[in-house]
Amino acid sequence: MPAAALLTDTEIDQRLTALPDWTRDGNAIRRTAKAADFPTAIRIVVDVAEQAEEMDHHPDIDIRWRTLHFTLSTHSAGGLTALDFELAGRIDQVVAAH
């Protein structure tokens, strides 16, 4: 599989406009989501894990009771790529479904 191409700052800013729950933090994008309860938070993580495996692109996830923190960056490319924004969109869909 070829390495993903890094996005420019302009491309990142443009893509973030379509993902209002995400913010840039250096070479990563981040989002926090609250679930109804801890079991729902875990179900969200399981659903996100399935999406991540399908894409072979994995987020950093921090779980604090019912609060989830997601961080995306393409470490192999050294920054943000289209993969990060595709997975961010999928995470948004998973969170919305719960």
PDB file of N, CA and C in Angstrom:
ATOM      1  N   MET A   1       0.839  -1.174   0.000  1.00  0.00           N
ATOM      2  CA  MET A   1       0.000   0.000   0.000  1.00  0.00           C
ATOM      3  C   MET A   1       0.884   1.238   0.000  1.00  0.00           C
ATOM      4  N   PRO A   2       0.676   2.180  -0.924  1.00  0.00           N
ATOM      5  CA  PRO A   2       1.509   3.386  -0.970  1.00  0.00           C
ATOM      6  C   PRO A   2       1.233   4.283   0.240  1.00  0.00           C
ATOM      7  N   ALA A   3       2.241   5.030   0.619  1.00  0.00           N
ATOM      8  CA  ALA A   3       2.094   5.945   1.750  1.00  0.00           C
ATOM      9  C   ALA A   3       1.082   7.037   1.417  1.00  0.00           C
ATOM     10  N   ALA A   4       0.315   7.419   2.399  1.00  0.00           N
ATOM     11  CA  ALA A   4      -0.659   8.494   2.223  1.00  0.00           C
ATOM     12  C   ALA A   4       0.072   9.827   2.145  1.00  0.00           C
ATOM     13  N   ALA A   5      -0.439  10.718   1.288  1.00  0.00           N
ATOM     14  CA  ALA A   5       0.187  12.024   1.102  1.00  0.00           C
ATOM     15  C   ALA A   5      -0.268  12.994   2.191  1.00  0.00           C
ATOM     16  N   LEU A   6       0.690  13.756   2.707  1.00  0.00           N
ATOM     17  CA  LEU A   6       0.355  14.786   3.691  1.00  0.00           C
ATOM     18  C   LEU A   6      -0.508  15.859   3.043  1.00  0.00           C
ATOM     19  N   LEU A   7      -1.458  16.369   3.810  1.00  0.00           N
ATOM     20  CA  LEU A   7      -2.298  17.464   3.344  1.00  0.00           C
ATOM     21  C   LEU A   7      -1.630  18.795   3.680  1.00  0.00           C
ATOM     22  N   THR A   8      -1.904  19.807   2.873  1.00  0.00           N
ATOM     23  CA  THR A   8      -1.398  21.150   3.155  1.00  0.00           C
ATOM     24  C   THR A   8      -2.267  21.783   4.246  1.00  0.00           C
ATOM     25  N   ASP A   9      -1.787  22.865   4.834  1.00  0.00           N
ATOM     26  CA  ASP A   9      -2.581  23.573   5.841  1.00  0.00           C
ATOM     27  C   ASP A   9      -3.925  24.012   5.263  1.00  0.00           C
ATOM     28  N   THR A  10      -3.933  24.477   4.030  1.00  0.00           N
ATOM     29  CA  THR A  10      -5.179  24.905   3.389  1.00  0.00           C
ATOM     30  C   THR A  10      -6.135  23.740   3.220  1.00  0.00           C
ATOM     31  N   GLU A  11      -5.634  22.602   2.789  1.00  0.00           N
ATOM     32  CA  GLU A  11      -6.480  21.413   2.626  1.00  0.00           C
ATOM     33  C   GLU A  11      -7.039  20.961   3.977  1.00  0.00           C
ATOM     34  N   ILE A  12      -6.220  21.022   5.009  1.00  0.00           N
ATOM     35  CA  ILE A  12      -6.671  20.641   6.352  1.00  0.00           C
ATOM     36  C   ILE A  12      -7.787  21.565   6.809  1.00  0.00           C
ATOM     37  N   ASP A  13      -7.583  22.864   6.661  1.00  0.00           N
ATOM     38  CA  ASP A  13      -8.609  23.833   7.070  1.00  0.00           C
ATOM     39  C   ASP A  13      -9.912  23.604   6.312  1.00  0.00           C
ATOM     40  N   GLN A  14      -9.814  23.328   5.019  1.00  0.00           N
ATOM     41  CA  GLN A  14     -11.016  23.082   4.215  1.00  0.00           C
ATOM     42  C   GLN A  14     -11.744  21.839   4.698  1.00  0.00           C
ATOM     43  N   ARG A  15     -11.020  20.785   4.972  1.00  0.00           N
ATOM     44  CA  ARG A  15     -11.645  19.536   5.421  1.00  0.00           C
ATOM     45  C   ARG A  15     -12.253  19.682   6.812  1.00  0.00           C
ATOM     46  N   LEU A  16     -11.643  20.490   7.651  1.00  0.00           N
ATOM     47  CA  LEU A  16     -12.187  20.692   8.995  1.00  0.00           C
ATOM     48  C   LEU A  16     -13.531  21.412   8.968  1.00  0.00           C
ATOM     49  N   THR A  17     -13.790  22.204   7.937  1.00  0.00           N
ATOM     50  CA  THR A  17     -15.084  22.897   7.869  1.00  0.00           C
ATOM     51  C   THR A  17     -16.235  21.901   7.767  1.00  0.00           C
ATOM     52  N   ALA A  18     -15.981  20.725   7.219  1.00  0.00           N
ATOM     53  CA  ALA A  18     -17.012  19.688   7.102  1.00  0.00           C
ATOM     54  C   ALA A  18     -17.105  18.827   8.367  1.00  0.00           C
ATOM     55  N   LEU A  19     -16.204  19.044   9.313  1.00  0.00           N
ATOM     56  CA  LEU A  19     -16.157  18.250  10.547  1.00  0.00           C
ATOM     57  C   LEU A  19     -16.133  19.198  11.751  1.00  0.00           C
ATOM     58  N   PRO A  20     -17.262  19.833  12.055  1.00  0.00           N
ATOM     59  CA  PRO A  20     -17.260  20.892  13.073  1.00  0.00           C
ATOM     60  C   PRO A  20     -16.907  20.440  14.489  1.00  0.00           C
ATOM     61  N   ASP A  21     -16.998  19.144  14.775  1.00  0.00           N
ATOM     62  CA  ASP A  21     -16.658  18.661  16.111  1.00  0.00           C
ATOM     63  C   ASP A  21     -15.165  18.391  16.287  1.00  0.00           C
ATOM     64  N   TRP A  22     -14.403  18.544  15.216  1.00  0.00           N
ATOM     65  CA  TRP A  22     -12.974  18.247  15.242  1.00  0.00           C
ATOM     66  C   TRP A  22     -12.173  19.543  15.233  1.00  0.00           C
ATOM     67  N   THR A  23     -11.030  19.523  15.940  1.00  0.00           N
ATOM     68  CA  THR A  23     -10.110  20.656  15.939  1.00  0.00           C
ATOM     69  C   THR A  23      -8.702  20.154  15.642  1.00  0.00           C
ATOM     70  N   ARG A  24      -7.929  21.042  15.077  1.00  0.00           N
ATOM     71  CA  ARG A  24      -6.539  20.690  14.784  1.00  0.00           C
ATOM     72  C   ARG A  24      -5.684  20.947  16.013  1.00  0.00           C
ATOM     73  N   ASP A  25      -4.755  20.034  16.238  1.00  0.00           N
ATOM     74  CA  ASP A  25      -3.776  20.168  17.310  1.00  0.00           C
ATOM     75  C   ASP A  25      -2.442  19.733  16.727  1.00  0.00           C
ATOM     76  N   GLY A  26      -1.727  20.657  16.117  1.00  0.00           N
ATOM     77  CA  GLY A  26      -0.453  20.339  15.478  1.00  0.00           C
ATOM     78  C   GLY A  26      -0.638  19.398  14.309  1.00  0.00           C
ATOM     79  N   ASN A  27      -0.031  18.225  14.384  1.00  0.00           N
ATOM     80  CA  ASN A  27      -0.119  17.230  13.312  1.00  0.00           C
ATOM     81  C   ASN A  27      -1.236  16.225  13.538  1.00  0.00           C
ATOM     82  N   ALA A  28      -2.248  16.614  14.304  1.00  0.00           N
ATOM     83  CA  ALA A  28      -3.366  15.716  14.608  1.00  0.00           C
ATOM     84  C   ALA A  28      -4.670  16.503  14.605  1.00  0.00           C
ATOM     85  N   ILE A  29      -5.773  15.758  14.538  1.00  0.00           N
ATOM     86  CA  ILE A  29      -7.081  16.346  14.778  1.00  0.00           C
ATOM     87  C   ILE A  29      -7.699  15.612  15.954  1.00  0.00           C
ATOM     88  N   ARG A  30      -8.524  16.338  16.730  1.00  0.00           N
ATOM     89  CA  ARG A  30      -9.080  15.781  17.957  1.00  0.00           C
ATOM     90  C   ARG A  30     -10.573  16.071  18.052  1.00  0.00           C
ATOM     91  N   ARG A  31     -11.255  15.156  18.730  1.00  0.00           N
ATOM     92  CA  ARG A  31     -12.673  15.321  19.008  1.00  0.00           C
ATOM     93  C   ARG A  31     -12.991  14.668  20.342  1.00  0.00           C
ATOM     94  N   THR A  32     -13.884  15.293  21.091  1.00  0.00           N
ATOM     95  CA  THR A  32     -14.410  14.722  22.325  1.00  0.00           C
ATOM     96  C   THR A  32     -15.894  14.456  22.120  1.00  0.00           C
ATOM     97  N   ALA A  33     -16.359  13.318  22.610  1.00  0.00           N
ATOM     98  CA  ALA A  33     -17.779  12.967  22.522  1.00  0.00           C
ATOM     99  C   ALA A  33     -18.220  12.414  23.869  1.00  0.00           C
ATOM    100  N   LYS A  34     -19.467  12.692  24.223  1.00  0.00           N
ATOM    101  CA  LYS A  34     -20.032  12.144  25.456  1.00  0.00           C
ATOM    102  C   LYS A  34     -21.103  11.129  25.087  1.00  0.00           C
ATOM    103  N   ALA A  35     -21.028   9.981  25.721  1.00  0.00           N
ATOM    104  CA  ALA A  35     -22.031   8.930  25.542  1.00  0.00           C
ATOM    105  C   ALA A  35     -23.040   9.024  26.682  1.00  0.00           C
ATOM    106  N   ALA A  36     -24.158   8.346  26.520  1.00  0.00           N
ATOM    107  CA  ALA A  36     -25.201   8.354  27.552  1.00  0.00           C
ATOM    108  C   ALA A  36     -24.714   7.720  28.851  1.00  0.00           C
ATOM    109  N   ASP A  37     -23.866   6.700  28.725  1.00  0.00           N
ATOM    110  CA  ASP A  37     -23.364   5.994  29.896  1.00  0.00           C
ATOM    111  C   ASP A  37     -22.117   5.217  29.480  1.00  0.00           C
ATOM    112  N   PHE A  38     -21.480   4.574  30.444  1.00  0.00           N
ATOM    113  CA  PHE A  38     -20.235   3.862  30.165  1.00  0.00           C
ATOM    114  C   PHE A  38     -20.420   2.716  29.169  1.00  0.00           C
ATOM    115  N   PRO A  39     -21.452   1.870  29.300  1.00  0.00           N
ATOM    116  CA  PRO A  39     -21.615   0.803  28.303  1.00  0.00           C
ATOM    117  C   PRO A  39     -21.786   1.344  26.878  1.00  0.00           C
ATOM    118  N   THR A  40     -22.474   2.467  26.732  1.00  0.00           N
ATOM    119  CA  THR A  40     -22.620   3.069  25.396  1.00  0.00           C
ATOM    120  C   THR A  40     -21.275   3.564  24.883  1.00  0.00           C
ATOM    121  N   ALA A  41     -20.472   4.136  25.766  1.00  0.00           N
ATOM    122  CA  ALA A  41     -19.134   4.589  25.370  1.00  0.00           C
ATOM    123  C   ALA A  41     -18.317   3.422  24.836  1.00  0.00           C
ATOM    124  N   ILE A  42     -18.399   2.288  25.498  1.00  0.00           N
ATOM    125  CA  ILE A  42     -17.655   1.108  25.057  1.00  0.00           C
ATOM    126  C   ILE A  42     -18.188   0.614  23.712  1.00  0.00           C
ATOM    127  N   ARG A  43     -19.495   0.636  23.513  1.00  0.00           N
ATOM    128  CA  ARG A  43     -20.062   0.226  22.220  1.00  0.00           C
ATOM    129  C   ARG A  43     -19.576   1.153  21.102  1.00  0.00           C
ATOM    130  N   ILE A  44     -19.473   2.451  21.390  1.00  0.00           N
ATOM    131  CA  ILE A  44     -18.941   3.391  20.400  1.00  0.00           C
ATOM    132  C   ILE A  44     -17.510   3.004  20.043  1.00  0.00           C
ATOM    133  N   VAL A  45     -16.701   2.705  21.056  1.00  0.00           N
ATOM    134  CA  VAL A  45     -15.303   2.320  20.806  1.00  0.00           C
ATOM    135  C   VAL A  45     -15.247   1.055  19.953  1.00  0.00           C
ATOM    136  N   VAL A  46     -16.085   0.077  20.237  1.00  0.00           N
ATOM    137  CA  VAL A  46     -16.097  -1.159  19.451  1.00  0.00           C
ATOM    138  C   VAL A  46     -16.469  -0.858  17.998  1.00  0.00           C
ATOM    139  N   ASP A  47     -17.481  -0.035  17.791  1.00  0.00           N
ATOM    140  CA  ASP A  47     -17.884   0.311  16.421  1.00  0.00           C
ATOM    141  C   ASP A  47     -16.791   1.092  15.685  1.00  0.00           C
ATOM    142  N   VAL A  48     -16.135   2.008  16.393  1.00  0.00           N
ATOM    143  CA  VAL A  48     -15.021   2.753  15.786  1.00  0.00           C
ATOM    144  C   VAL A  48     -13.878   1.797  15.473  1.00  0.00           C
ATOM    145  N   ALA A  49     -13.604   0.847  16.352  1.00  0.00           N
ATOM    146  CA  ALA A  49     -12.530  -0.123  16.107  1.00  0.00           C
ATOM    147  C   ALA A  49     -12.793  -0.922  14.841  1.00  0.00           C
ATOM    148  N   GLU A  50     -14.040  -1.288  14.598  1.00  0.00           N
ATOM    149  CA  GLU A  50     -14.374  -2.027  13.373  1.00  0.00           C
ATOM    150  C   GLU A  50     -14.117  -1.168  12.136  1.00  0.00           C
ATOM    151  N   GLN A  51     -14.493   0.105  12.194  1.00  0.00           N
ATOM    152  CA  GLN A  51     -14.234   1.009  11.066  1.00  0.00           C
ATOM    153  C   GLN A  51     -12.726   1.178  10.850  1.00  0.00           C
ATOM    154  N   ALA A  52     -11.996   1.331  11.949  1.00  0.00           N
ATOM    155  CA  ALA A  52     -10.551   1.515  11.866  1.00  0.00           C
ATOM    156  C   ALA A  52      -9.871   0.290  11.265  1.00  0.00           C
ATOM    157  N   GLU A  53     -10.306  -0.892  11.663  1.00  0.00           N
ATOM    158  CA  GLU A  53      -9.726  -2.118  11.103  1.00  0.00           C
ATOM    159  C   GLU A  53     -10.012  -2.219   9.616  1.00  0.00           C
ATOM    160  N   GLU A  54     -11.228  -1.869   9.221  1.00  0.00           N
ATOM    161  CA  GLU A  54     -11.595  -1.908   7.807  1.00  0.00           C
ATOM    162  C   GLU A  54     -10.692  -0.990   6.983  1.00  0.00           C
ATOM    163  N   MET A  55     -10.347   0.163   7.557  1.00  0.00           N
ATOM    164  CA  MET A  55      -9.496   1.135   6.863  1.00  0.00           C
ATOM    165  C   MET A  55      -8.009   0.872   7.053  1.00  0.00           C
ATOM    166  N   ASP A  56      -7.652   0.023   8.016  1.00  0.00           N
ATOM    167  CA  ASP A  56      -6.266  -0.163   8.437  1.00  0.00           C
ATOM    168  C   ASP A  56      -5.651   1.184   8.838  1.00  0.00           C
ATOM    169  N   HIS A  57      -6.443   1.934   9.611  1.00  0.00           N
ATOM    170  CA  HIS A  57      -6.026   3.255  10.106  1.00  0.00           C
ATOM    171  C   HIS A  57      -6.659   3.423  11.485  1.00  0.00           C
ATOM    172  N   HIS A  58      -5.844   3.615  12.499  1.00  0.00           N
ATOM    173  CA  HIS A  58      -6.317   3.476  13.873  1.00  0.00           C
ATOM    174  C   HIS A  58      -6.164   4.762  14.676  1.00  0.00           C
ATOM    175  N   PRO A  59      -7.233   5.166  15.367  1.00  0.00           N
ATOM    176  CA  PRO A  59      -7.182   6.374  16.191  1.00  0.00           C
ATOM    177  C   PRO A  59      -6.594   6.087  17.566  1.00  0.00           C
ATOM    178  N   ASP A  60      -6.152   7.139  18.221  1.00  0.00           N
ATOM    179  CA  ASP A  60      -5.869   7.063  19.648  1.00  0.00           C
ATOM    180  C   ASP A  60      -7.199   7.373  20.333  1.00  0.00           C
ATOM    181  N   ILE A  61      -7.578   6.544  21.299  1.00  0.00           N
ATOM    182  CA  ILE A  61      -8.845   6.722  22.001  1.00  0.00           C
ATOM    183  C   ILE A  61      -8.579   6.707  23.501  1.00  0.00           C
ATOM    184  N   ASP A  62      -9.093   7.724  24.174  1.00  0.00           N
ATOM    185  CA  ASP A  62      -9.010   7.816  25.629  1.00  0.00           C
ATOM    186  C   ASP A  62     -10.437   7.790  26.154  1.00  0.00           C
ATOM    187  N   ILE A  63     -10.721   6.878  27.076  1.00  0.00           N
ATOM    188  CA  ILE A  63     -12.057   6.732  27.652  1.00  0.00           C
ATOM    189  C   ILE A  63     -12.008   7.167  29.108  1.00  0.00           C
ATOM    190  N   ARG A  64     -12.859   8.108  29.455  1.00  0.00           N
ATOM    191  CA  ARG A  64     -13.008   8.574  30.835  1.00  0.00           C
ATOM    192  C   ARG A  64     -14.492   8.499  31.170  1.00  0.00           C
ATOM    193  N   TRP A  65     -14.905   7.405  31.790  1.00  0.00           N
ATOM    194  CA  TRP A  65     -16.287   7.099  32.120  1.00  0.00           C
ATOM    195  C   TRP A  65     -17.116   7.138  30.850  1.00  0.00           C
ATOM    196  N   ARG A  66     -17.880   8.170  30.591  1.00  0.00           N
ATOM    197  CA  ARG A  66     -18.687   8.216  29.375  1.00  0.00           C
ATOM    198  C   ARG A  66     -18.178   9.254  28.367  1.00  0.00           C
ATOM    199  N   THR A  67     -16.997   9.797  28.636  1.00  0.00           N
ATOM    200  CA  THR A  67     -16.387  10.779  27.742  1.00  0.00           C
ATOM    201  C   THR A  67     -15.281  10.105  26.939  1.00  0.00           C
ATOM    202  N   LEU A  68     -15.362  10.291  25.626  1.00  0.00           N
ATOM    203  CA  LEU A  68     -14.382   9.701  24.712  1.00  0.00           C
ATOM    204  C   LEU A  68     -13.577  10.817  24.041  1.00  0.00           C
ATOM    205  N   HIS A  69     -12.275  10.637  23.998  1.00  0.00           N
ATOM    206  CA  HIS A  69     -11.393  11.573  23.302  1.00  0.00           C
ATOM    207  C   HIS A  69     -10.737  10.802  22.154  1.00  0.00           C
ATOM    208  N   PHE A  70     -10.929  11.293  20.937  1.00  0.00           N
ATOM    209  CA  PHE A  70     -10.350  10.672  19.747  1.00  0.00           C
ATOM    210  C   PHE A  70      -9.259  11.580  19.194  1.00  0.00           C
ATOM    211  N   THR A  71      -8.130  10.995  18.819  1.00  0.00           N
ATOM    212  CA  THR A  71      -7.051  11.732  18.170  1.00  0.00           C
ATOM    213  C   THR A  71      -6.648  10.963  16.920  1.00  0.00           C
ATOM    214  N   LEU A  72      -6.545  11.692  15.815  1.00  0.00           N
ATOM    215  CA  LEU A  72      -6.164  11.089  14.538  1.00  0.00           C
ATOM    216  C   LEU A  72      -4.945  11.780  13.955  1.00  0.00           C
ATOM    217  N   SER A  73      -4.028  10.985  13.447  1.00  0.00           N
ATOM    218  CA  SER A  73      -2.851  11.453  12.720  1.00  0.00           C
ATOM    219  C   SER A  73      -2.290  10.244  11.982  1.00  0.00           C
ATOM    220  N   THR A  74      -1.733  10.474  10.825  1.00  0.00           N
ATOM    221  CA  THR A  74      -1.108   9.381  10.080  1.00  0.00           C
ATOM    222  C   THR A  74       0.368   9.373  10.455  1.00  0.00           C
ATOM    223  N   HIS A  75       0.702   8.594  11.467  1.00  0.00           N
ATOM    224  CA  HIS A  75       2.064   8.598  12.005  1.00  0.00           C
ATOM    225  C   HIS A  75       3.090   8.206  10.957  1.00  0.00           C
ATOM    226  N   SER A  76       2.744   7.261  10.078  1.00  0.00           N
ATOM    227  CA  SER A  76       3.698   6.817   9.057  1.00  0.00           C
ATOM    228  C   SER A  76       4.023   7.928   8.057  1.00  0.00           C
ATOM    229  N   ALA A  77       3.123   8.908   7.921  1.00  0.00           N
ATOM    230  CA  ALA A  77       3.357  10.028   6.997  1.00  0.00           C
ATOM    231  C   ALA A  77       3.871  11.261   7.736  1.00  0.00           C
ATOM    232  N   GLY A  78       3.793  11.252   9.057  1.00  0.00           N
ATOM    233  CA  GLY A  78       4.283  12.383   9.833  1.00  0.00           C
ATOM    234  C   GLY A  78       3.313  13.544   9.925  1.00  0.00           C
ATOM    235  N   GLY A  79       2.010  13.274   9.793  1.00  0.00           N
ATOM    236  CA  GLY A  79       1.036  14.364   9.893  1.00  0.00           C
ATOM    237  C   GLY A  79      -0.337  13.921   9.430  1.00  0.00           C
ATOM    238  N   LEU A  80      -1.103  14.872   8.953  1.00  0.00           N
ATOM    239  CA  LEU A  80      -2.490  14.622   8.567  1.00  0.00           C
ATOM    240  C   LEU A  80      -2.616  14.277   7.085  1.00  0.00           C
ATOM    241  N   THR A  81      -3.401  13.240   6.824  1.00  0.00           N
ATOM    242  CA  THR A  81      -3.671  12.800   5.451  1.00  0.00           C
ATOM    243  C   THR A  81      -5.184  12.641   5.276  1.00  0.00           C
ATOM    244  N   ALA A  82      -5.587  12.322   4.071  1.00  0.00           N
ATOM    245  CA  ALA A  82      -7.003  12.097   3.788  1.00  0.00           C
ATOM    246  C   ALA A  82      -7.575  10.976   4.648  1.00  0.00           C
ATOM    247  N   LEU A  83      -6.752   9.994   5.009  1.00  0.00           N
ATOM    248  CA  LEU A  83      -7.210   8.893   5.857  1.00  0.00           C
ATOM    249  C   LEU A  83      -7.761   9.395   7.186  1.00  0.00           C
ATOM    250  N   ASP A  84      -7.105  10.405   7.754  1.00  0.00           N
ATOM    251  CA  ASP A  84      -7.550  10.931   9.041  1.00  0.00           C
ATOM    252  C   ASP A  84      -8.943  11.543   8.929  1.00  0.00           C
ATOM    253  N   PHE A  85      -9.184  12.243   7.849  1.00  0.00           N
ATOM    254  CA  PHE A  85     -10.480  12.905   7.681  1.00  0.00           C
ATOM    255  C   PHE A  85     -11.572  11.907   7.308  1.00  0.00           C
ATOM    256  N   GLU A  86     -11.218  10.874   6.572  1.00  0.00           N
ATOM    257  CA  GLU A  86     -12.200   9.833   6.282  1.00  0.00           C
ATOM    258  C   GLU A  86     -12.612   9.117   7.575  1.00  0.00           C
ATOM    259  N   LEU A  87     -11.635   8.767   8.397  1.00  0.00           N
ATOM    260  CA  LEU A  87     -11.958   8.101   9.652  1.00  0.00           C
ATOM    261  C   LEU A  87     -12.703   9.044  10.589  1.00  0.00           C
ATOM    262  N   ALA A  88     -12.365  10.321  10.603  1.00  0.00           N
ATOM    263  CA  ALA A  88     -13.086  11.286  11.437  1.00  0.00           C
ATOM    264  C   ALA A  88     -14.565  11.308  11.061  1.00  0.00           C
ATOM    265  N   GLY A  89     -14.854  11.294   9.772  1.00  0.00           N
ATOM    266  CA  GLY A  89     -16.244  11.262   9.328  1.00  0.00           C
ATOM    267  C   GLY A  89     -16.950  10.001   9.773  1.00  0.00           C
ATOM    268  N   ARG A  90     -16.255   8.886   9.706  1.00  0.00           N
ATOM    269  CA  ARG A  90     -16.844   7.620  10.154  1.00  0.00           C
ATOM    270  C   ARG A  90     -17.083   7.634  11.674  1.00  0.00           C
ATOM    271  N   ILE A  91     -16.153   8.218  12.417  1.00  0.00           N
ATOM    272  CA  ILE A  91     -16.336   8.331  13.867  1.00  0.00           C
ATOM    273  C   ILE A  91     -17.562   9.189  14.167  1.00  0.00           C
ATOM    274  N   ASP A  92     -17.716  10.285  13.449  1.00  0.00           N
ATOM    275  CA  ASP A  92     -18.901  11.138  13.643  1.00  0.00           C
ATOM    276  C   ASP A  92     -20.184  10.337  13.408  1.00  0.00           C
ATOM    277  N   GLN A  93     -20.197   9.496  12.392  1.00  0.00           N
ATOM    278  CA  GLN A  93     -21.391   8.699  12.105  1.00  0.00           C
ATOM    279  C   GLN A  93     -21.659   7.693  13.233  1.00  0.00           C
ATOM    280  N   VAL A  94     -20.605   7.082  13.749  1.00  0.00           N
ATOM    281  CA  VAL A  94     -20.764   6.123  14.848  1.00  0.00           C
ATOM    282  C   VAL A  94     -21.310   6.832  16.086  1.00  0.00           C
ATOM    283  N   VAL A  95     -20.727   7.963  16.424  1.00  0.00           N
ATOM    284  CA  VAL A  95     -21.178   8.706  17.605  1.00  0.00           C
ATOM    285  C   VAL A  95     -22.650   9.104  17.430  1.00  0.00           C
ATOM    286  N   ALA A  96     -23.009   9.589  16.261  1.00  0.00           N
ATOM    287  CA  ALA A  96     -24.389  10.013  16.011  1.00  0.00           C
ATOM    288  C   ALA A  96     -25.365   8.838  16.111  1.00  0.00           C
ATOM    289  N   ALA A  97     -24.918   7.658  15.738  1.00  0.00           N
ATOM    290  CA  ALA A  97     -25.782   6.483  15.769  1.00  0.00           C
ATOM    291  C   ALA A  97     -26.068   6.007  17.193  1.00  0.00           C
ATOM    292  N   HIS A  98     -25.247   6.441  18.141  1.00  0.00           N
ATOM    293  CA  HIS A  98     -25.431   6.012  19.532  1.00  0.00           C
ATOM    294  C   HIS A  98     -26.073   7.118  20.326  1.00  0.00           C
TER     295      HIS A  98
END
